[in-house]
Amino acid sequence: MAGGWTRDGAVNEQIEASIQDELARLRAHRAPSGESAYDCAECGEPIPEARREALPGVKLCVECAGGRERRPEARGGINRRGSKDSQLK
């Protein structure tokens, strides 16, 4: 059953797309794997052996990784402009 200006299933498609976007974002930020770098990819400083062994595939030193985690990440939100609720306000 379509509600308002949408076709059947449009709301479910939007919800599914939002879930898939979030899953893709989470998968991209999983723990690294593969061969670790010996030098940091950002600052060029050596990565300690203990860090390379603890996190296989690590490419950043502790300092650069911490700085990257503190930076805000731009994320796509839900497009509410076309919804009935936003048009009623």
Protein backbone atom coordinates (compact mmCIF):
# COMPACT_ATOMS: atom_id res chain seq x y z
CA MET A 1 0.00 0.00 0.00
CA ALA A 2 1.51 3.31 -1.07
CA GLY A 3 1.20 6.20 1.30
CA GLY A 4 0.92 9.74 0.04
CA TRP A 5 3.27 10.48 -2.86
CA THR A 6 5.37 7.33 -2.72
CA ARG A 7 5.07 4.13 -4.67
CA ASP A 8 4.70 0.74 -3.02
CA GLY A 9 7.89 -0.30 -1.22
CA ALA A 10 9.64 3.08 -1.47
CA VAL A 11 9.97 3.48 2.30
CA ASN A 12 11.40 -0.02 2.67
CA GLU A 13 13.86 0.68 -0.16
CA GLN A 14 15.03 3.85 1.59
CA ILE A 15 15.48 2.01 4.89
CA GLU A 16 17.38 -0.80 3.16
CA ALA A 17 19.63 1.71 1.36
CA SER A 18 20.40 3.45 4.66
CA ILE A 19 21.30 0.14 6.28
CA GLN A 20 23.55 -0.84 3.36
CA ASP A 21 25.33 2.55 3.49
CA GLU A 22 26.02 2.15 7.21
CA LEU A 23 27.23 -1.44 6.78
CA ALA A 24 29.61 -0.33 4.02
CA ARG A 25 30.96 2.44 6.28
CA LEU A 26 31.51 0.00 9.14
CA ARG A 27 33.22 -2.56 6.91
CA ALA A 28 35.59 0.11 5.61
CA HIS A 29 36.69 0.88 9.18
CA ARG A 30 37.33 -2.70 10.31
CA ALA A 31 40.68 -3.63 11.73
CA PRO A 32 43.43 -3.69 9.11
CA SER A 33 44.78 -6.99 7.76
CA GLY A 34 47.65 -8.10 5.58
CA GLU A 35 51.28 -7.03 5.83
CA SER A 36 52.06 -4.18 8.21
CA ALA A 37 54.04 -1.17 7.09
CA TYR A 38 57.35 -0.45 8.80
CA ASP A 39 56.92 3.32 8.51
CA CYS A 40 53.80 5.39 9.10
CA ALA A 41 51.93 6.26 5.88
CA GLU A 42 51.22 9.81 7.11
CA CYS A 43 54.27 11.03 9.05
CA GLY A 44 56.96 8.55 7.97
CA GLU A 45 58.00 7.67 11.54
CA PRO A 46 58.81 4.00 12.27
CA ILE A 47 55.90 1.90 13.56
CA PRO A 48 56.94 -0.03 16.70
CA GLU A 49 57.26 -3.78 16.25
CA ALA A 50 54.77 -4.47 19.06
CA ARG A 51 52.11 -2.44 17.21
CA ARG A 52 52.83 -4.20 13.90
CA GLU A 53 52.45 -7.59 15.58
CA ALA A 54 49.31 -6.63 17.49
CA LEU A 55 47.55 -5.18 14.42
CA PRO A 56 48.48 -7.06 11.24
CA GLY A 57 48.17 -4.68 8.29
CA VAL A 58 48.60 -1.49 10.31
CA LYS A 59 49.73 1.49 8.22
CA LEU A 60 49.71 4.33 10.79
CA CYS A 61 51.63 5.00 13.98
CA VAL A 62 49.69 5.45 17.24
CA GLU A 63 49.82 9.24 17.06
CA CYS A 64 48.51 9.51 13.49
CA ALA A 65 45.85 6.84 14.06
CA GLY A 66 44.62 8.74 17.12
CA GLY A 67 44.49 11.99 15.17
CA ARG A 68 42.50 10.34 12.40
CA GLU A 69 39.97 8.95 14.90
CA ARG A 70 39.39 12.41 16.39
CA ARG A 71 38.59 14.00 13.01
CA PRO A 72 34.88 14.23 12.28
CA GLU A 73 33.80 12.05 9.40
CA ALA A 74 31.31 13.36 6.86
CA ARG A 75 28.42 10.94 6.66
CA GLY A 76 25.42 10.93 4.42
CA GLY A 77 22.23 11.36 6.36
CA ILE A 78 18.69 10.49 5.52
CA ASN A 79 17.18 12.64 2.81
CA ARG A 80 14.04 13.90 4.50
CA ARG A 81 13.22 16.68 2.01
CA GLY A 82 10.85 14.52 0.03
CA SER A 83 8.98 13.08 3.00
CA LYS A 84 5.46 14.12 3.88
CA ASP A 85 6.47 15.00 7.44
CA SER A 86 9.00 17.62 6.31
CA GLN A 87 6.43 19.20 3.99
CA LEU A 88 3.83 19.52 6.74
CA LYS A 89 6.02 21.73 8.96
